[in-house]
N, C-alpha and C. Protein backbone atom coordinates (compact mmCIF):
# COMPACT_ATOMS: atom_id res chain seq x y z
N MET A 1 228.15 130.42 57.55
CA MET A 1 227.81 129.96 56.21
C MET A 1 228.79 130.56 55.20
N LYS A 2 229.32 129.70 54.34
CA LYS A 2 230.20 130.14 53.26
C LYS A 2 229.42 130.06 51.95
N ILE A 3 229.53 131.11 51.15
CA ILE A 3 228.82 131.17 49.87
C ILE A 3 229.83 131.46 48.77
N SER A 4 229.89 130.57 47.79
CA SER A 4 230.83 130.72 46.67
C SER A 4 230.06 130.80 45.36
N LYS A 5 230.52 131.67 44.48
CA LYS A 5 229.88 131.84 43.17
C LYS A 5 230.73 131.17 42.10
N TYR A 6 230.08 130.33 41.29
CA TYR A 6 230.78 129.63 40.22
C TYR A 6 230.19 130.00 38.85
N ILE A 7 230.27 131.27 38.54
CA ILE A 7 229.86 131.84 37.25
C ILE A 7 228.33 131.86 37.12
N HIS A 8 227.83 132.98 36.67
CA HIS A 8 226.41 133.22 36.42
C HIS A 8 225.61 133.07 37.71
N SER A 9 224.67 132.14 37.78
CA SER A 9 223.81 132.00 38.96
C SER A 9 224.09 130.74 39.76
N CYS A 10 225.22 130.12 39.52
CA CYS A 10 225.60 128.90 40.23
C CYS A 10 226.28 129.27 41.55
N LEU A 11 225.66 128.87 42.65
CA LEU A 11 226.15 129.20 43.98
C LEU A 11 226.31 127.94 44.82
N LEU A 12 227.40 127.88 45.57
CA LEU A 12 227.64 126.77 46.49
C LEU A 12 227.60 127.31 47.91
N LEU A 13 226.66 126.80 48.71
CA LEU A 13 226.53 127.19 50.10
C LEU A 13 227.05 126.06 50.97
N GLU A 14 227.87 126.41 51.96
CA GLU A 14 228.47 125.41 52.84
C GLU A 14 228.21 125.78 54.30
N LYS A 15 227.78 124.77 55.06
CA LYS A 15 227.48 124.98 56.48
C LYS A 15 227.58 123.65 57.21
N ASP A 16 228.37 123.63 58.27
CA ASP A 16 228.51 122.42 59.10
C ASP A 16 228.89 121.20 58.27
N GLY A 17 229.74 121.40 57.27
CA GLY A 17 230.21 120.30 56.44
C GLY A 17 229.25 119.86 55.35
N PHE A 18 228.11 120.54 55.23
CA PHE A 18 227.09 120.20 54.23
C PHE A 18 227.18 121.20 53.08
N GLN A 19 227.07 120.70 51.85
CA GLN A 19 227.16 121.55 50.66
C GLN A 19 225.84 121.55 49.89
N LEU A 20 225.33 122.75 49.65
CA LEU A 20 224.08 122.96 48.93
C LEU A 20 224.37 123.80 47.69
N LEU A 21 224.05 123.26 46.52
CA LEU A 21 224.36 123.91 45.25
C LEU A 21 223.08 124.45 44.61
N PHE A 22 223.15 125.70 44.14
CA PHE A 22 222.04 126.31 43.41
C PHE A 22 222.38 126.45 41.93
N ASP A 23 221.48 126.05 41.07
CA ASP A 23 221.43 126.42 39.65
C ASP A 23 222.74 126.27 38.86
N PRO A 24 223.28 125.04 38.77
CA PRO A 24 224.44 124.82 37.89
C PRO A 24 223.99 124.76 36.43
N GLY A 25 223.95 125.91 35.77
CA GLY A 25 223.46 126.00 34.40
C GLY A 25 224.57 125.98 33.37
N LYS A 26 224.20 126.15 32.11
CA LYS A 26 225.15 125.95 31.01
C LYS A 26 226.27 126.99 30.99
N PHE A 27 226.01 128.22 31.41
CA PHE A 27 227.07 129.24 31.37
C PHE A 27 228.17 128.94 32.37
N THR A 28 227.84 128.24 33.44
CA THR A 28 228.84 127.89 34.45
C THR A 28 229.96 127.04 33.85
N PHE A 29 229.59 126.17 32.91
CA PHE A 29 230.55 125.22 32.36
C PHE A 29 230.98 125.55 30.93
N ALA A 30 230.51 126.66 30.39
CA ALA A 30 230.66 126.95 28.96
C ALA A 30 232.11 127.07 28.51
N GLU A 31 232.98 127.61 29.34
CA GLU A 31 234.37 127.85 28.93
C GLU A 31 235.36 127.01 29.72
N ASP A 32 234.87 125.97 30.38
CA ASP A 32 235.72 125.05 31.16
C ASP A 32 236.47 125.74 32.29
N LEU A 33 235.98 126.88 32.75
CA LEU A 33 236.59 127.55 33.90
C LEU A 33 236.13 126.90 35.20
N VAL A 34 235.00 126.22 35.13
CA VAL A 34 234.47 125.45 36.26
C VAL A 34 234.27 124.02 35.78
N LYS A 35 234.70 123.06 36.60
CA LYS A 35 234.59 121.65 36.26
C LYS A 35 233.56 120.96 37.16
N VAL A 36 232.89 119.98 36.62
CA VAL A 36 231.93 119.19 37.40
C VAL A 36 232.60 118.60 38.64
N GLU A 37 233.87 118.21 38.51
CA GLU A 37 234.59 117.58 39.61
C GLU A 37 234.70 118.48 40.85
N GLN A 38 234.55 119.77 40.67
CA GLN A 38 234.60 120.69 41.81
C GLN A 38 233.40 120.51 42.75
N PHE A 39 232.39 119.81 42.27
CA PHE A 39 231.17 119.63 43.06
C PHE A 39 231.01 118.19 43.55
N ILE A 40 232.12 117.49 43.71
CA ILE A 40 232.08 116.08 44.08
C ILE A 40 231.56 115.86 45.50
N LYS A 41 231.64 116.90 46.35
CA LYS A 41 231.20 116.77 47.74
C LYS A 41 229.83 117.40 47.99
N VAL A 42 229.15 117.78 46.92
CA VAL A 42 227.83 118.41 47.07
C VAL A 42 226.82 117.39 47.60
N ASN A 43 226.03 117.82 48.57
CA ASN A 43 225.01 116.96 49.17
C ASN A 43 223.62 117.14 48.56
N ALA A 44 223.34 118.36 48.10
CA ALA A 44 222.01 118.65 47.55
C ALA A 44 222.12 119.75 46.51
N VAL A 45 221.20 119.71 45.54
CA VAL A 45 221.14 120.70 44.47
C VAL A 45 219.72 121.25 44.39
N ILE A 46 219.61 122.58 44.34
CA ILE A 46 218.32 123.23 44.12
C ILE A 46 218.31 123.85 42.73
N ILE A 47 217.27 123.56 41.96
CA ILE A 47 217.07 124.19 40.65
C ILE A 47 215.86 125.11 40.77
N THR A 48 216.07 126.41 40.55
CA THR A 48 214.99 127.38 40.76
C THR A 48 213.99 127.40 39.61
N HIS A 49 214.46 127.13 38.39
CA HIS A 49 213.55 127.09 37.23
C HIS A 49 214.25 126.45 36.05
N SER A 50 213.52 126.28 34.96
CA SER A 50 213.95 125.40 33.87
C SER A 50 214.82 126.05 32.81
N HIS A 51 215.06 127.34 32.86
CA HIS A 51 215.89 127.97 31.83
C HIS A 51 217.30 127.36 31.83
N PRO A 52 217.89 127.19 30.66
CA PRO A 52 219.17 126.47 30.57
C PRO A 52 220.35 127.14 31.27
N ASP A 53 220.27 128.44 31.52
CA ASP A 53 221.35 129.07 32.27
C ASP A 53 221.25 128.76 33.77
N HIS A 54 220.18 128.06 34.17
CA HIS A 54 220.01 127.62 35.55
C HIS A 54 219.95 126.09 35.66
N LEU A 55 219.60 125.45 34.59
CA LEU A 55 219.50 123.98 34.55
C LEU A 55 220.16 123.45 33.29
N HIS A 56 221.25 122.71 33.47
CA HIS A 56 221.90 122.00 32.37
C HIS A 56 221.84 120.52 32.74
N VAL A 57 220.94 119.79 32.11
CA VAL A 57 220.63 118.43 32.54
C VAL A 57 221.85 117.51 32.50
N GLU A 58 222.63 117.58 31.44
CA GLU A 58 223.78 116.67 31.33
C GLU A 58 224.82 116.94 32.41
N GLN A 59 225.08 118.21 32.69
CA GLN A 59 226.02 118.54 33.76
C GLN A 59 225.44 118.17 35.12
N LEU A 60 224.14 118.34 35.28
CA LEU A 60 223.50 117.95 36.53
C LEU A 60 223.60 116.45 36.75
N LYS A 61 223.40 115.68 35.69
CA LYS A 61 223.57 114.22 35.78
C LYS A 61 224.98 113.87 36.24
N ALA A 62 225.96 114.57 35.68
CA ALA A 62 227.36 114.29 36.03
C ALA A 62 227.63 114.64 37.49
N ILE A 63 227.08 115.75 37.97
CA ILE A 63 227.26 116.14 39.36
C ILE A 63 226.65 115.10 40.29
N VAL A 64 225.43 114.67 39.98
CA VAL A 64 224.74 113.68 40.81
C VAL A 64 225.48 112.34 40.80
N LYS A 65 225.99 111.96 39.65
CA LYS A 65 226.73 110.69 39.55
C LYS A 65 227.98 110.72 40.40
N LEU A 66 228.68 111.86 40.41
CA LEU A 66 229.91 111.99 41.18
C LEU A 66 229.65 112.09 42.68
N SER A 67 228.64 112.85 43.04
CA SER A 67 228.45 113.23 44.43
C SER A 67 227.34 112.47 45.16
N GLY A 68 226.39 111.93 44.39
CA GLY A 68 225.22 111.32 45.01
C GLY A 68 224.25 112.34 45.56
N ALA A 69 224.37 113.58 45.12
CA ALA A 69 223.52 114.66 45.63
C ALA A 69 222.05 114.44 45.30
N LYS A 70 221.19 114.91 46.19
CA LYS A 70 219.75 114.89 45.95
C LYS A 70 219.32 116.21 45.31
N ILE A 71 218.36 116.14 44.40
CA ILE A 71 217.88 117.32 43.68
C ILE A 71 216.54 117.77 44.27
N TYR A 72 216.40 119.08 44.44
CA TYR A 72 215.16 119.68 44.93
C TYR A 72 214.70 120.72 43.92
N THR A 73 213.42 120.64 43.53
CA THR A 73 212.95 121.56 42.50
C THR A 73 211.42 121.58 42.42
N ASN A 74 210.91 122.40 41.50
CA ASN A 74 209.46 122.53 41.34
C ASN A 74 208.92 121.51 40.32
N LYS A 75 207.59 121.52 40.15
CA LYS A 75 206.93 120.52 39.30
C LYS A 75 207.38 120.60 37.84
N GLU A 76 207.54 121.81 37.32
CA GLU A 76 207.90 121.97 35.92
C GLU A 76 209.28 121.41 35.63
N VAL A 77 210.24 121.74 36.48
CA VAL A 77 211.59 121.19 36.31
C VAL A 77 211.58 119.69 36.54
N ALA A 78 210.80 119.25 37.52
CA ALA A 78 210.73 117.82 37.84
C ALA A 78 210.31 116.99 36.63
N LYS A 79 209.40 117.52 35.84
CA LYS A 79 208.96 116.80 34.64
C LYS A 79 210.13 116.59 33.69
N GLU A 80 210.95 117.62 33.51
CA GLU A 80 212.11 117.51 32.63
C GLU A 80 213.14 116.53 33.19
N LEU A 81 213.34 116.58 34.50
CA LEU A 81 214.28 115.66 35.13
C LEU A 81 213.81 114.21 35.00
N LYS A 82 212.52 113.99 35.19
CA LYS A 82 211.97 112.64 35.08
C LYS A 82 212.19 112.08 33.69
N GLU A 83 211.98 112.91 32.67
CA GLU A 83 212.19 112.48 31.29
C GLU A 83 213.65 112.14 31.01
N SER A 84 214.55 112.71 31.82
CA SER A 84 215.99 112.46 31.66
C SER A 84 216.50 111.38 32.60
N GLY A 85 215.59 110.77 33.35
CA GLY A 85 215.98 109.68 34.23
C GLY A 85 216.57 110.10 35.56
N LEU A 86 216.37 111.35 35.95
CA LEU A 86 216.89 111.85 37.21
C LEU A 86 215.79 111.85 38.27
N SER A 87 216.13 111.40 39.47
CA SER A 87 215.18 111.46 40.58
C SER A 87 215.25 112.84 41.23
N TYR A 88 214.23 113.19 41.99
CA TYR A 88 214.14 114.54 42.54
C TYR A 88 213.24 114.54 43.77
N ASN A 89 213.34 115.62 44.53
CA ASN A 89 212.44 115.90 45.63
C ASN A 89 211.63 117.13 45.26
N LEU A 90 210.32 117.01 45.29
CA LEU A 90 209.45 118.09 44.85
C LEU A 90 209.34 119.16 45.94
N VAL A 91 209.49 120.41 45.52
CA VAL A 91 209.43 121.54 46.44
C VAL A 91 208.16 122.35 46.19
N GLU A 92 207.39 122.54 47.23
CA GLU A 92 206.23 123.44 47.20
C GLU A 92 206.60 124.70 47.98
N ALA A 93 205.85 125.76 47.80
CA ALA A 93 206.09 126.98 48.55
C ALA A 93 205.94 126.71 50.04
N GLY A 94 206.88 127.25 50.84
CA GLY A 94 206.80 127.05 52.28
C GLY A 94 208.14 126.72 52.89
N LEU A 95 208.11 126.30 54.13
CA LEU A 95 209.32 126.04 54.92
C LEU A 95 209.72 124.57 54.85
N PHE A 96 211.02 124.34 54.74
CA PHE A 96 211.54 122.98 54.80
C PHE A 96 213.04 123.05 55.07
N ASP A 97 213.62 121.93 55.44
CA ASP A 97 215.05 121.85 55.74
C ASP A 97 215.75 120.97 54.73
N ILE A 98 216.98 121.35 54.40
CA ILE A 98 217.89 120.48 53.66
C ILE A 98 219.18 120.45 54.46
N GLY A 99 219.48 119.31 55.07
CA GLY A 99 220.64 119.25 55.95
C GLY A 99 220.51 120.31 57.04
N PRO A 100 221.57 121.09 57.29
CA PRO A 100 221.51 122.12 58.33
C PRO A 100 220.87 123.43 57.87
N PHE A 101 220.45 123.50 56.62
CA PHE A 101 219.88 124.73 56.08
C PHE A 101 218.36 124.77 56.28
N ALA A 102 217.88 125.88 56.81
CA ALA A 102 216.44 126.14 56.91
C ALA A 102 216.04 127.01 55.73
N LEU A 103 215.14 126.50 54.90
CA LEU A 103 214.79 127.20 53.67
C LEU A 103 213.31 127.56 53.63
N GLN A 104 213.03 128.65 52.95
CA GLN A 104 211.66 129.01 52.63
C GLN A 104 211.56 129.23 51.14
N ALA A 105 210.78 128.40 50.47
CA ALA A 105 210.56 128.54 49.03
C ALA A 105 209.39 129.49 48.80
N ILE A 106 209.57 130.40 47.83
CA ILE A 106 208.56 131.41 47.53
C ILE A 106 208.24 131.34 46.05
N ASN A 107 207.00 131.09 45.72
CA ASN A 107 206.60 131.10 44.31
C ASN A 107 206.65 132.53 43.78
N VAL A 108 207.42 132.74 42.72
CA VAL A 108 207.59 134.08 42.16
C VAL A 108 207.44 134.04 40.64
N LYS A 109 207.21 135.18 40.06
CA LYS A 109 207.07 135.30 38.61
C LYS A 109 208.41 135.69 37.99
N HIS A 110 208.82 134.95 36.98
CA HIS A 110 210.02 135.32 36.22
C HIS A 110 209.76 136.66 35.54
N GLU A 111 210.79 137.50 35.50
CA GLU A 111 210.65 138.78 34.80
C GLU A 111 210.35 138.53 33.32
N ASN A 112 209.64 139.46 32.71
CA ASN A 112 209.20 139.28 31.33
C ASN A 112 210.37 139.24 30.35
N ILE A 113 210.29 138.30 29.43
CA ILE A 113 211.26 138.17 28.34
C ILE A 113 210.50 137.79 27.07
N LEU A 114 211.19 137.80 25.93
CA LEU A 114 210.53 137.46 24.67
C LEU A 114 210.10 136.01 24.62
N ASP A 115 210.90 135.14 25.23
CA ASP A 115 210.58 133.71 25.25
C ASP A 115 209.27 133.49 26.00
N SER A 116 208.43 132.63 25.49
CA SER A 116 207.12 132.42 26.10
C SER A 116 206.76 130.93 26.04
N PRO A 117 206.06 130.39 27.03
CA PRO A 117 205.61 131.05 28.26
C PRO A 117 206.74 131.16 29.29
N LEU A 118 206.54 131.99 30.29
CA LEU A 118 207.52 132.10 31.36
C LEU A 118 207.51 130.84 32.22
N PRO A 119 208.67 130.44 32.74
CA PRO A 119 208.73 129.21 33.52
C PRO A 119 208.20 129.40 34.94
N ASP A 120 207.75 128.31 35.54
CA ASP A 120 207.48 128.32 36.98
C ASP A 120 208.81 128.52 37.70
N MET A 121 208.79 129.25 38.80
CA MET A 121 210.06 129.59 39.45
C MET A 121 209.84 129.83 40.94
N GLN A 122 210.88 129.52 41.70
CA GLN A 122 210.85 129.76 43.14
C GLN A 122 212.08 130.55 43.57
N ALA A 123 211.84 131.53 44.42
CA ALA A 123 212.90 132.23 45.13
C ALA A 123 213.10 131.51 46.46
N TYR A 124 214.23 131.80 47.12
CA TYR A 124 214.52 131.12 48.38
C TYR A 124 215.08 132.09 49.42
N LEU A 125 214.57 131.95 50.64
CA LEU A 125 215.18 132.58 51.80
C LEU A 125 215.90 131.48 52.56
N ILE A 126 217.18 131.69 52.81
CA ILE A 126 218.03 130.65 53.38
C ILE A 126 218.46 131.06 54.79
N ASP A 127 218.10 130.25 55.76
CA ASP A 127 218.41 130.51 57.17
C ASP A 127 217.92 131.88 57.64
N GLY A 128 216.93 132.43 56.97
CA GLY A 128 216.43 133.75 57.32
C GLY A 128 217.43 134.86 57.10
N ARG A 129 218.51 134.56 56.38
CA ARG A 129 219.63 135.51 56.26
C ARG A 129 219.97 135.86 54.83
N VAL A 130 219.74 134.95 53.91
CA VAL A 130 220.13 135.12 52.51
C VAL A 130 218.89 135.01 51.63
N LEU A 131 218.66 136.02 50.80
CA LEU A 131 217.54 135.98 49.86
C LEU A 131 218.07 135.77 48.45
N ASN A 132 217.65 134.66 47.84
CA ASN A 132 217.97 134.37 46.44
C ASN A 132 216.68 134.49 45.64
N PRO A 133 216.47 135.61 44.93
CA PRO A 133 215.21 135.82 44.21
C PRO A 133 215.12 135.13 42.87
N ALA A 134 216.17 134.37 42.49
CA ALA A 134 216.23 133.79 41.15
C ALA A 134 216.12 134.92 40.13
N ASP A 135 215.24 134.79 39.13
CA ASP A 135 215.14 135.84 38.10
C ASP A 135 213.88 136.68 38.31
N SER A 136 213.68 137.09 39.55
CA SER A 136 212.47 137.84 39.90
C SER A 136 212.81 139.12 40.64
N PHE A 137 212.22 140.21 40.20
CA PHE A 137 212.31 141.49 40.92
C PHE A 137 210.93 141.87 41.47
N GLY A 138 210.16 140.87 41.84
CA GLY A 138 208.80 141.11 42.32
C GLY A 138 208.77 141.75 43.69
N THR A 139 207.58 141.92 44.20
CA THR A 139 207.38 142.50 45.53
C THR A 139 207.50 141.41 46.58
N TYR A 140 208.34 141.65 47.58
CA TYR A 140 208.56 140.69 48.65
C TYR A 140 208.01 141.25 49.96
N ASP A 141 207.33 140.40 50.73
CA ASP A 141 206.74 140.82 52.00
C ASP A 141 207.82 141.28 52.98
N ASP A 142 207.39 141.92 54.05
CA ASP A 142 208.32 142.48 55.03
C ASP A 142 209.27 141.43 55.60
N GLU A 143 208.81 140.19 55.72
CA GLU A 143 209.66 139.15 56.30
C GLU A 143 210.90 138.86 55.45
N PHE A 144 210.88 139.29 54.19
CA PHE A 144 212.03 139.06 53.31
C PHE A 144 212.89 140.31 53.14
N GLN A 145 212.54 141.38 53.82
CA GLN A 145 213.29 142.63 53.73
C GLN A 145 214.52 142.58 54.63
N GLN A 146 215.51 143.36 54.27
CA GLN A 146 216.72 143.57 55.07
C GLN A 146 217.46 142.27 55.42
N PRO A 147 217.67 141.39 54.45
CA PRO A 147 218.48 140.20 54.72
C PRO A 147 219.95 140.58 54.88
N GLU A 148 220.71 139.68 55.44
CA GLU A 148 222.15 139.92 55.52
C GLU A 148 222.77 139.98 54.13
N LEU A 149 222.24 139.15 53.22
CA LEU A 149 222.80 139.08 51.87
C LEU A 149 221.69 138.92 50.86
N LEU A 150 221.75 139.72 49.81
CA LEU A 150 220.85 139.59 48.67
C LEU A 150 221.63 139.06 47.48
N ILE A 151 221.19 137.94 46.93
CA ILE A 151 221.74 137.42 45.68
C ILE A 151 221.05 138.20 44.57
N LEU A 152 221.81 139.00 43.83
CA LEU A 152 221.19 140.00 42.95
C LEU A 152 221.56 139.80 41.48
N PRO A 153 220.59 139.47 40.63
CA PRO A 153 220.86 139.46 39.18
C PRO A 153 221.19 140.88 38.71
N VAL A 154 222.38 141.07 38.17
CA VAL A 154 222.81 142.43 37.82
C VAL A 154 222.78 142.72 36.32
N MET A 155 222.59 141.69 35.51
CA MET A 155 222.40 141.92 34.08
C MET A 155 221.64 140.74 33.50
N ALA A 156 220.76 141.06 32.55
CA ALA A 156 219.89 140.03 31.96
C ALA A 156 219.07 140.67 30.86
N PRO A 157 218.52 139.86 29.95
CA PRO A 157 217.62 140.41 28.92
C PRO A 157 216.39 141.08 29.52
N PHE A 158 216.07 140.73 30.77
CA PHE A 158 214.83 141.23 31.37
C PHE A 158 215.02 142.46 32.26
N THR A 159 216.22 143.05 32.29
CA THR A 159 216.41 144.13 33.25
C THR A 159 217.36 145.21 32.75
N THR A 160 217.45 146.28 33.52
CA THR A 160 218.40 147.38 33.32
C THR A 160 219.11 147.63 34.64
N GLU A 161 220.20 148.37 34.60
CA GLU A 161 220.90 148.64 35.85
C GLU A 161 220.05 149.50 36.80
N ILE A 162 219.16 150.31 36.25
CA ILE A 162 218.26 151.11 37.09
C ILE A 162 217.30 150.20 37.84
N ALA A 163 216.71 149.24 37.12
CA ALA A 163 215.78 148.29 37.76
C ALA A 163 216.49 147.45 38.81
N VAL A 164 217.72 147.04 38.51
CA VAL A 164 218.51 146.26 39.46
C VAL A 164 218.72 147.05 40.75
N ALA A 165 219.16 148.28 40.60
CA ALA A 165 219.43 149.12 41.77
C ALA A 165 218.17 149.40 42.57
N GLU A 166 217.07 149.67 41.89
CA GLU A 166 215.81 149.97 42.58
C GLU A 166 215.31 148.77 43.37
N PHE A 167 215.46 147.57 42.80
CA PHE A 167 215.04 146.36 43.51
C PHE A 167 215.86 146.18 44.78
N ALA A 168 217.17 146.28 44.66
CA ALA A 168 218.03 146.11 45.83
C ALA A 168 217.79 147.20 46.87
N ASP A 169 217.59 148.43 46.42
CA ASP A 169 217.30 149.52 47.36
C ASP A 169 216.02 149.24 48.14
N HIS A 170 215.05 148.61 47.48
CA HIS A 170 213.79 148.28 48.14
C HIS A 170 213.97 147.17 49.18
N ILE A 171 214.78 146.17 48.84
CA ILE A 171 215.01 145.04 49.75
C ILE A 171 215.85 145.46 50.95
N LYS A 172 216.78 146.39 50.74
CA LYS A 172 217.64 146.93 51.80
C LYS A 172 218.50 145.85 52.49
N PRO A 173 219.28 145.11 51.74
CA PRO A 173 220.16 144.13 52.36
C PRO A 173 221.38 144.80 52.99
N LYS A 174 222.08 144.05 53.83
CA LYS A 174 223.35 144.55 54.34
C LYS A 174 224.44 144.44 53.28
N ALA A 175 224.31 143.42 52.42
CA ALA A 175 225.31 143.19 51.38
C ALA A 175 224.66 142.56 50.16
N VAL A 176 225.34 142.69 49.03
CA VAL A 176 224.86 142.16 47.75
C VAL A 176 225.93 141.28 47.13
N LEU A 177 225.51 140.11 46.62
CA LEU A 177 226.38 139.26 45.82
C LEU A 177 225.80 139.22 44.41
N PRO A 178 226.50 139.78 43.41
CA PRO A 178 225.96 139.85 42.05
C PRO A 178 226.01 138.51 41.34
N VAL A 179 224.93 138.22 40.59
CA VAL A 179 224.86 136.99 39.79
C VAL A 179 224.21 137.31 38.45
N HIS A 180 224.01 136.25 37.66
CA HIS A 180 223.35 136.33 36.35
C HIS A 180 224.15 137.19 35.37
N ASP A 181 225.46 137.09 35.45
CA ASP A 181 226.34 137.91 34.62
C ASP A 181 227.40 137.06 33.92
N GLY A 182 227.10 135.78 33.75
CA GLY A 182 228.10 134.84 33.23
C GLY A 182 228.43 134.98 31.77
N TYR A 183 227.66 135.77 31.03
CA TYR A 183 227.91 135.95 29.60
C TYR A 183 228.66 137.24 29.30
N ALA A 184 229.03 138.00 30.31
CA ALA A 184 229.68 139.30 30.11
C ALA A 184 231.20 139.16 30.05
N LYS A 185 231.81 139.94 29.19
CA LYS A 185 233.27 140.01 29.13
C LYS A 185 233.80 140.63 30.43
N GLU A 186 235.00 140.22 30.83
CA GLU A 186 235.54 140.66 32.11
C GLU A 186 235.68 142.18 32.19
N PHE A 187 236.12 142.81 31.09
CA PHE A 187 236.32 144.26 31.14
C PHE A 187 234.99 144.99 31.32
N PHE A 188 233.93 144.45 30.73
CA PHE A 188 232.61 145.06 30.88
C PHE A 188 232.06 144.81 32.28
N LEU A 189 232.26 143.60 32.77
CA LEU A 189 231.78 143.24 34.09
C LEU A 189 232.43 144.11 35.16
N LYS A 190 233.72 144.33 35.02
CA LYS A 190 234.43 145.17 35.99
C LYS A 190 233.85 146.58 36.01
N GLN A 191 233.55 147.12 34.84
CA GLN A 191 232.96 148.46 34.75
C GLN A 191 231.59 148.51 35.43
N ARG A 192 230.78 147.49 35.17
CA ARG A 192 229.44 147.46 35.78
C ARG A 192 229.54 147.32 37.31
N TYR A 193 230.46 146.47 37.75
CA TYR A 193 230.64 146.29 39.19
C TYR A 193 231.04 147.60 39.87
N GLU A 194 231.89 148.36 39.23
CA GLU A 194 232.31 149.64 39.80
C GLU A 194 231.11 150.59 39.92
N THR A 195 230.26 150.58 38.90
CA THR A 195 229.07 151.43 38.93
C THR A 195 228.14 151.03 40.07
N TYR A 196 227.90 149.74 40.19
CA TYR A 196 227.04 149.26 41.28
C TYR A 196 227.66 149.53 42.65
N SER A 197 228.96 149.33 42.77
CA SER A 197 229.63 149.56 44.05
C SER A 197 229.43 150.99 44.53
N LYS A 198 229.59 151.94 43.62
CA LYS A 198 229.40 153.35 43.99
C LYS A 198 227.97 153.62 44.45
N HIS A 199 227.03 153.05 43.72
CA HIS A 199 225.61 153.25 44.07
C HIS A 199 225.31 152.70 45.47
N PHE A 200 225.73 151.47 45.72
CA PHE A 200 225.36 150.83 46.98
C PHE A 200 226.16 151.37 48.16
N GLU A 201 227.38 151.81 47.92
CA GLU A 201 228.19 152.39 48.99
C GLU A 201 227.48 153.60 49.61
N LYS A 202 226.84 154.38 48.77
CA LYS A 202 226.11 155.56 49.26
C LYS A 202 224.95 155.17 50.17
N ARG A 203 224.50 153.94 50.07
CA ARG A 203 223.36 153.47 50.86
C ARG A 203 223.78 152.54 51.99
N GLY A 204 225.08 152.44 52.21
CA GLY A 204 225.59 151.61 53.29
C GLY A 204 225.49 150.13 53.03
N ILE A 205 225.41 149.76 51.75
CA ILE A 205 225.30 148.35 51.35
C ILE A 205 226.62 147.89 50.74
N VAL A 206 227.15 146.79 51.21
CA VAL A 206 228.39 146.23 50.67
C VAL A 206 228.08 145.51 49.36
N PHE A 207 228.84 145.82 48.31
CA PHE A 207 228.70 145.13 47.03
C PHE A 207 229.94 144.29 46.80
N HIS A 208 229.77 142.97 46.79
CA HIS A 208 230.90 142.06 46.62
C HIS A 208 231.21 141.90 45.12
N GLN A 209 232.41 142.28 44.72
CA GLN A 209 232.78 142.20 43.31
C GLN A 209 233.29 140.79 42.99
N ALA A 210 232.34 139.93 42.67
CA ALA A 210 232.62 138.50 42.47
C ALA A 210 233.09 138.24 41.05
N MET A 211 234.32 138.60 40.76
CA MET A 211 234.84 138.52 39.39
C MET A 211 235.27 137.11 39.00
N GLN A 212 235.89 136.39 39.91
CA GLN A 212 236.52 135.12 39.55
C GLN A 212 235.68 133.93 39.99
N PRO A 213 235.67 132.85 39.20
CA PRO A 213 234.96 131.63 39.61
C PRO A 213 235.46 131.13 40.96
N GLY A 214 234.55 130.82 41.85
CA GLY A 214 234.92 130.37 43.18
C GLY A 214 235.04 131.49 44.20
N PHE A 215 234.77 132.73 43.77
CA PHE A 215 234.77 133.85 44.72
C PHE A 215 233.84 133.52 45.87
N SER A 216 234.31 133.73 47.11
CA SER A 216 233.49 133.32 48.24
C SER A 216 233.46 134.37 49.34
N ILE A 217 232.38 134.34 50.11
CA ILE A 217 232.23 135.18 51.29
C ILE A 217 231.69 134.30 52.41
N SER A 218 231.84 134.77 53.64
CA SER A 218 231.27 134.07 54.79
C SER A 218 230.40 135.04 55.57
N ILE A 219 229.26 134.55 56.02
CA ILE A 219 228.37 135.39 56.81
C ILE A 219 227.98 134.65 58.09
């Protein structure tokens, strides 16, 4: 499986020629560093929740028009998509497949923020190997512990670097891919990445410094 990060929480997963895109939100396209055309071969898109940094309807329309990708999401997002004329596949908590990917959707609570009410949201376990918690640092059952890769929000209005580190330490992944940092200046991001790298190195966890759009790893 190849996993590429395209700014903030937008991730492209590739396996057996199939492309699965997560959360192409507004920060991904804000500075034209990432183009919709880069997702022309996408087969499916998952939207974890309705916040605009994870869901940008106009860009999603453009991706679907170019690629013919199918959208998978929860009821709350589905309502917004329906109002915008987009079709979707409704996702409930549990196991399902998208192409060659085996997924488990987990209903989770978005971390507290000033904006209210909090959106409905789902985390995902992918092929039993990759945990994408979306914007949740909640408690995960033993079956979600020690994944090969943890998709980790490293900065946000709802967290601190201490909370980030404690969550990852609890999950105990083999490696971490940082996300939710698309609004940070490069010099600040580099500093934060160095801090996280030192912390996780002491615990035998690889921290991937995903600085550039399209940064990718294979597991």
